[in-house]
Every structure is written in structure tokens, then in C-alpha cells.
C-alpha atoms as a PDB file:
ATOM      1  CA  UNK A   1      -7.240  93.671 -41.570  1.00  0.00           C
ATOM      2  CA  UNK A   2      -8.746  93.942 -44.973  1.00  0.00           C
ATOM      3  CA  UNK A   3     -10.497  90.920 -46.553  1.00  0.00           C
ATOM      4  CA  UNK A   4     -11.429  90.961 -50.223  1.00  0.00           C
ATOM      5  CA  UNK A   5     -14.862  89.364 -51.072  1.00  0.00           C
ATOM      6  CA  UNK A   6     -15.801  88.627 -54.502  1.00  0.00           C
ATOM      7  CA  UNK A   7     -19.505  87.595 -55.346  1.00  0.00           C
ATOM      8  CA  UNK A   8     -20.390  85.666 -58.433  1.00  0.00           C
ATOM      9  CA  UNK A   9     -23.674  84.895 -60.031  1.00  0.00           C
ATOM     10  CA  UNK A  10     -24.035  81.294 -61.582  1.00  0.00           C
ATOM     11  CA  UNK A  11     -26.522  80.222 -64.394  1.00  0.00           C
ATOM     12  CA  UNK A  12     -28.031  77.159 -62.920  1.00  0.00           C
ATOM     13  CA  UNK A  13     -28.443  75.370 -66.328  1.00  0.00           C
ATOM     14  CA  UNK A  14     -25.002  75.961 -67.761  1.00  0.00           C
ATOM     15  CA  UNK A  15     -22.962  76.463 -64.553  1.00  0.00           C
ATOM     16  CA  UNK A  16     -21.547  79.614 -66.110  1.00  0.00           C
ATOM     17  CA  UNK A  17     -20.245  81.892 -63.481  1.00  0.00           C
ATOM     18  CA  UNK A  18     -19.612  85.650 -63.744  1.00  0.00           C
ATOM     19  CA  UNK A  19     -18.315  88.183 -61.171  1.00  0.00           C
ATOM     20  CA  UNK A  20     -21.018  90.505 -60.089  1.00  0.00           C
ATOM     21  CA  UNK A  21     -19.192  92.471 -57.347  1.00  0.00           C
ATOM     22  CA  UNK A  22     -16.169  92.976 -55.291  1.00  0.00           C
ATOM     23  CA  UNK A  23     -16.004  94.469 -51.778  1.00  0.00           C
ATOM     24  CA  UNK A  24     -13.405  94.943 -49.181  1.00  0.00           C
ATOM     25  CA  UNK A  25     -14.282  94.275 -45.431  1.00  0.00           C
ATOM     26  CA  UNK A  26     -12.185  95.929 -42.839  1.00  0.00           C
ATOM     27  CA  UNK A  27     -11.893  94.310 -39.394  1.00  0.00           C
ATOM     28  CA  UNK A  28     -10.328  96.024 -36.402  1.00  0.00           C
ATOM     29  CA  UNK A  29      -8.971  94.105 -33.499  1.00  0.00           C
ATOM     30  CA  UNK A  30     -10.329  95.344 -30.251  1.00  0.00           C
ATOM     31  CA  UNK A  31      -9.138  94.938 -26.715  1.00  0.00           C
ATOM     32  CA  UNK A  32     -11.052  93.708 -23.675  1.00  0.00           C
ATOM     33  CA  UNK A  33     -12.333  97.291 -23.331  1.00  0.00           C
ATOM     34  CA  UNK A  34     -13.453  97.679 -26.906  1.00  0.00           C
ATOM     35  CA  UNK A  35     -10.673  99.826 -28.145  1.00  0.00           C
ATOM     36  CA  UNK A  36      -8.651  99.196 -31.254  1.00  0.00           C
ATOM     37  CA  UNK A  37      -5.409  97.251 -30.583  1.00  0.00           C
ATOM     38  CA  UNK A  38      -2.502  96.463 -32.662  1.00  0.00           C
ATOM     39  CA  UNK A  39      -1.993  93.041 -34.136  1.00  0.00           C
ATOM     40  CA  UNK A  40       1.112  91.341 -35.766  1.00  0.00           C
ATOM     41  CA  UNK A  41       1.679  92.621 -39.269  1.00  0.00           C
ATOM     42  CA  UNK A  42       0.998  90.324 -42.195  1.00  0.00           C
ATOM     43  CA  UNK A  43       4.183  88.757 -43.680  1.00  0.00           C
ATOM     44  CA  UNK A  44       4.039  89.359 -47.493  1.00  0.00           C
ATOM     45  CA  UNK A  45       6.405  87.260 -49.535  1.00  0.00           C
ATOM     46  CA  UNK A  46       5.389  87.029 -53.169  1.00  0.00           C
ATOM     47  CA  UNK A  47       5.277  89.867 -55.648  1.00  0.00           C
ATOM     48  CA  UNK A  48       1.426  89.502 -55.826  1.00  0.00           C
ATOM     49  CA  UNK A  49       1.201  89.683 -51.978  1.00  0.00           C
ATOM     50  CA  UNK A  50       3.297  92.718 -52.082  1.00  0.00           C
ATOM     51  CA  UNK A  51       1.112  94.310 -54.921  1.00  0.00           C
ATOM     52  CA  UNK A  52      -2.088  93.567 -52.983  1.00  0.00           C
ATOM     53  CA  UNK A  53      -0.565  94.921 -49.522  1.00  0.00           C
ATOM     54  CA  UNK A  54       0.288  98.262 -51.457  1.00  0.00           C
ATOM     55  CA  UNK A  55      -3.218  98.335 -52.992  1.00  0.00           C
ATOM     56  CA  UNK A  56      -4.832  97.766 -49.575  1.00  0.00           C
ATOM     57  CA  UNK A  57      -2.582 100.484 -47.921  1.00  0.00           C
ATOM     58  CA  UNK A  58      -3.729 102.945 -50.690  1.00  0.00           C
ATOM     59  CA  UNK A  59      -7.384 102.106 -49.974  1.00  0.00           C
ATOM     60  CA  UNK A  60      -6.767 102.634 -46.234  1.00  0.00           C
ATOM     61  CA  UNK A  61      -5.274 105.984 -46.808  1.00  0.00           C
ATOM     62  CA  UNK A  62      -8.225 107.022 -49.089  1.00  0.00           C
ATOM     63  CA  UNK A  63     -10.718 105.658 -46.433  1.00  0.00           C
ATOM     64  CA  UNK A  64      -9.058 107.687 -43.635  1.00  0.00           C
ATOM     65  CA  UNK A  65      -8.888 110.859 -45.770  1.00  0.00           C
ATOM     66  CA  UNK A  66     -12.673 110.477 -46.561  1.00  0.00           C
ATOM     67  CA  UNK A  67     -13.180 110.188 -42.637  1.00  0.00           C
ATOM     68  CA  UNK A  68     -11.726 113.773 -42.301  1.00  0.00           C
ATOM     69  CA  UNK A  69     -14.034 115.665 -44.835  1.00  0.00           C
ATOM     70  CA  UNK A  70     -17.854 115.412 -44.254  1.00  0.00           C
ATOM     71  CA  UNK A  71     -19.685 114.583 -47.404  1.00  0.00           C
ATOM     72  CA  UNK A  72     -22.774 116.621 -48.364  1.00  0.00           C
ATOM     73  CA  UNK A  73     -23.449 117.979 -45.065  1.00  0.00           C
ATOM     74  CA  UNK A  74     -23.177 114.496 -43.282  1.00  0.00           C
ATOM     75  CA  UNK A  75     -21.117 114.382 -40.057  1.00  0.00           C
ATOM     76  CA  UNK A  76     -17.549 113.252 -40.241  1.00  0.00           C
ATOM     77  CA  UNK A  77     -17.200 109.506 -39.431  1.00  0.00           C
ATOM     78  CA  UNK A  78     -15.767 110.209 -35.966  1.00  0.00           C
ATOM     79  CA  UNK A  79     -18.895 112.287 -35.219  1.00  0.00           C
ATOM     80  CA  UNK A  80     -21.171 109.436 -35.562  1.00  0.00           C
ATOM     81  CA  UNK A  81     -19.740 107.550 -32.667  1.00  0.00           C
ATOM     82  CA  UNK A  82     -18.278 110.341 -30.803  1.00  0.00           C
ATOM     83  CA  UNK A  83     -14.855 108.957 -31.030  1.00  0.00           C
ATOM     84  CA  UNK A  84     -11.999 109.173 -33.574  1.00  0.00           C
ATOM     85  CA  UNK A  85     -10.519 105.862 -32.488  1.00  0.00           C
ATOM     86  CA  UNK A  86     -10.776 102.868 -34.881  1.00  0.00           C
ATOM     87  CA  UNK A  87     -13.282 102.417 -37.616  1.00  0.00           C
ATOM     88  CA  UNK A  88     -16.410 103.746 -36.239  1.00  0.00           C
ATOM     89  CA  UNK A  89     -18.928 101.556 -37.999  1.00  0.00           C
ATOM     90  CA  UNK A  90     -17.175  98.438 -36.563  1.00  0.00           C
ATOM     91  CA  UNK A  91     -17.025  99.708 -33.046  1.00  0.00           C
ATOM     92  CA  UNK A  92     -19.337  97.800 -30.618  1.00  0.00           C
ATOM     93  CA  UNK A  93     -22.035  99.723 -29.145  1.00  0.00           C
END
């Protein structure tokens, strides 16, 4: 599951807000043994939901592709935890 987070700064005196950053947090459902497990698919209905789902799938594909190629001599993501299952930074342990 991917969740979009937007961070805003607010001027205390005027109440004016501005977007300072956007992040996408990825959550992985784990079974009782700590391994990734499937969850029901999100049902998208509106055009906006379909657009956002398509964008999320593109980000996921890019993220998975980056895991395959070490960056500047760093170990591939699966080497960090010794496994290629799930998102390694979110695994317990």
C-alpha cells in the first residue's frame, strides 16, 4: 500500500500555508512469520483514483527497478537484509 503525505508550512501571523514537500510511504502487509502477504486490491472508481493508481504503479515499477541495480557501489536493496522478499527497509528485524 502506498500513502501520499504532503507537508505544509504555515505562517503563524497570516495563516498562509504552502506545500513544502510530498512523500510516498510504502507499507507492506506481513503475515505472522514476518513475510509479505497479499491483501485485497484497492477498488478504484473515479477517473482521479484511476490516474493515481496508475501513477502509483509507475512509482512501484521504478522502485523495484532501482532495487536491482546497486547505486555508486552500494549493495542492492535485497543485500541489506539478506532477502529479496518485500521492501527490505520495512521488514522487521
